[in-house]
Amino acid sequence: MRQEVRKIFLEFGIQNPVFKLNNNYNKIGLCYNNNTFEISRISFRYNNHQGRMALIGHEIAHLKQFNHSKKFKEVCDKMEINEKEMLPMSRYILFCPRCKYWGRLNVLKKTKYYCKHCKEQEVMVYQHKK
């Protein structure tokens, strides 16, 4: 996984990235003002290549703008980062076996969940593994 992360940094022109992989569910990536990064290995694992590019590109964009302002969005657009490609992280995935709908949750508040589309179909709940 580290080699693939390094390869994506190279695609953005970052030659020797300083990064570490963490098991964070809530923050998919972090960029520090000393040009170091943290990438959630959980998020990295569950995203496809486009999502991984968006994830790392998003963090690299923070080198130019350290917030999520309009200016940050402009930096992302200029770098051609499509953040919609990134899967948001959550602790649980909900899946309906009937219509194949899936959703995400961070906190389970009930013991049973029902599909938003099928209404009566109980969905399966999967917990992300670290």
Protein backbone atom coordinates (compact mmCIF):
# COMPACT_ATOMS: atom_id res chain seq x y z
CA MET A 1 0.00 0.00 0.00
CA ARG A 2 2.85 2.42 0.82
CA GLN A 3 4.28 1.97 -2.69
CA GLU A 4 0.94 2.80 -4.28
CA VAL A 5 0.55 5.92 -2.11
CA ARG A 6 4.08 7.00 -3.06
CA LYS A 7 3.31 6.40 -6.75
CA ILE A 8 0.22 8.65 -6.61
CA PHE A 9 2.23 11.41 -4.90
CA LEU A 10 4.71 11.11 -7.79
CA GLU A 11 1.87 11.53 -10.30
CA PHE A 12 1.19 14.89 -8.63
CA GLY A 13 4.88 15.83 -8.83
CA ILE A 14 5.75 15.24 -5.16
CA GLN A 15 9.12 13.45 -5.40
CA ASN A 16 9.84 12.40 -1.80
CA PRO A 17 6.61 12.65 0.14
CA VAL A 18 6.74 12.37 3.91
CA PHE A 19 3.60 10.53 4.94
CA LYS A 20 2.28 7.94 7.30
CA LEU A 21 -0.72 5.66 7.04
CA ASN A 22 -3.19 5.64 9.93
CA ASN A 23 -6.40 3.79 10.81
CA ASN A 24 -8.58 6.88 11.07
CA TYR A 25 -12.27 6.56 10.15
CA ASN A 26 -13.24 10.18 10.62
CA LYS A 27 -10.47 11.95 8.70
CA ILE A 28 -9.48 10.39 5.42
CA GLY A 29 -6.35 12.48 5.10
CA LEU A 30 -4.37 15.18 6.84
CA CYS A 31 -1.88 17.73 5.58
CA TYR A 32 0.45 19.51 7.97
CA ASN A 33 2.15 22.85 7.37
CA ASN A 34 5.56 21.15 7.43
CA ASN A 35 4.63 19.37 4.15
CA THR A 36 3.89 16.01 5.78
CA PHE A 37 0.75 13.99 5.22
CA GLU A 38 -1.32 11.31 6.92
CA ILE A 39 -3.52 9.08 4.79
CA SER A 40 -6.21 6.77 6.18
CA ARG A 41 -5.32 3.25 5.07
CA ILE A 42 -9.00 2.38 5.54
CA SER A 43 -10.11 5.09 3.11
CA PHE A 44 -7.30 4.19 0.72
CA ARG A 45 -8.32 0.53 0.75
CA TYR A 46 -12.01 1.24 0.03
CA ASN A 47 -11.46 3.72 -2.80
CA ASN A 48 -10.72 2.84 -6.42
CA HIS A 49 -7.81 4.48 -8.28
CA GLN A 50 -9.76 7.65 -9.12
CA GLY A 51 -10.86 7.98 -5.50
CA ARG A 52 -7.30 7.47 -4.29
CA MET A 53 -6.05 10.14 -6.71
CA ALA A 54 -8.74 12.53 -5.42
CA LEU A 55 -7.89 11.72 -1.80
CA ILE A 56 -4.17 12.41 -2.17
CA GLY A 57 -4.73 15.32 -4.55
CA HIS A 58 -7.07 16.88 -1.99
CA GLU A 59 -4.36 16.71 0.67
CA ILE A 60 -1.72 18.10 -1.70
CA ALA A 61 -4.06 21.01 -2.48
CA HIS A 62 -3.89 21.89 1.21
CA LEU A 63 -0.24 22.82 0.69
CA LYS A 64 -1.58 25.87 -1.18
CA GLN A 65 -4.73 26.51 0.88
CA PHE A 66 -5.10 25.13 4.43
CA ASN A 67 -8.88 25.24 4.67
CA HIS A 68 -11.95 24.21 2.66
CA SER A 69 -12.81 27.70 1.41
CA LYS A 70 -13.83 28.82 -2.06
CA LYS A 71 -10.16 29.46 -2.76
CA PHE A 72 -9.39 25.82 -1.83
CA LYS A 73 -12.07 24.67 -4.28
CA GLU A 74 -10.39 26.78 -6.98
CA VAL A 75 -7.03 25.14 -6.19
CA CYS A 76 -8.66 21.69 -6.52
CA ASP A 77 -10.29 22.68 -9.82
CA LYS A 78 -6.98 23.96 -11.17
CA MET A 79 -5.34 20.63 -10.18
CA GLU A 80 -8.28 18.79 -11.82
CA ILE A 81 -9.18 17.01 -8.58
CA ASN A 82 -12.69 15.57 -8.68
CA GLU A 83 -13.56 15.14 -5.00
CA LYS A 84 -16.81 13.40 -5.95
CA GLU A 85 -14.64 10.39 -6.86
CA MET A 86 -13.69 9.99 -3.19
CA LEU A 87 -15.75 7.64 -1.06
CA PRO A 88 -16.58 9.23 2.28
CA MET A 89 -15.56 7.08 5.20
CA SER A 90 -17.81 5.66 7.85
CA ARG A 91 -17.69 2.83 10.35
CA TYR A 92 -20.64 0.92 8.89
CA ILE A 93 -21.98 0.09 5.45
CA LEU A 94 -25.67 -0.68 5.03
CA PHE A 95 -26.61 -2.95 2.13
CA CYS A 96 -30.04 -3.98 0.80
CA PRO A 97 -29.97 -7.48 -0.73
CA ARG A 98 -33.17 -6.82 -2.70
CA CYS A 99 -32.40 -3.60 -4.60
CA LYS A 100 -28.60 -3.43 -3.99
CA TYR A 101 -28.89 0.05 -2.39
CA TRP A 102 -26.07 0.85 0.01
CA GLY A 103 -25.44 3.63 2.49
CA ARG A 104 -23.04 4.59 5.26
CA LEU A 105 -23.26 5.28 9.01
CA ASN A 106 -20.75 6.27 11.67
CA VAL A 107 -22.90 5.38 14.68
CA LEU A 108 -25.48 2.61 15.01
CA LYS A 109 -28.51 4.03 16.82
CA LYS A 110 -30.91 1.16 16.18
CA THR A 111 -30.68 -2.61 16.05
CA LYS A 112 -32.49 -2.80 12.69
CA TYR A 113 -32.33 -0.57 9.62
CA TYR A 114 -34.63 -0.67 6.62
CA CYS A 115 -33.91 0.19 3.00
CA LYS A 116 -34.82 3.74 1.94
CA HIS A 117 -36.02 2.37 -1.41
CA CYS A 118 -37.70 -0.93 -0.52
CA LYS A 119 -39.03 0.49 2.78
CA GLU A 120 -39.78 -2.89 4.35
CA GLN A 121 -36.61 -4.74 3.44
CA GLU A 122 -34.20 -5.01 6.36
CA VAL A 123 -30.67 -4.11 5.30
CA MET A 124 -27.45 -5.88 6.20
CA VAL A 125 -24.95 -3.92 8.30
CA TYR A 126 -21.23 -4.44 7.79
CA GLN A 127 -18.53 -2.93 9.96
CA HIS A 128 -15.33 -1.70 8.28
CA LYS A 129 -12.31 -3.68 9.35
CA LYS A 130 -9.16 -1.89 10.43
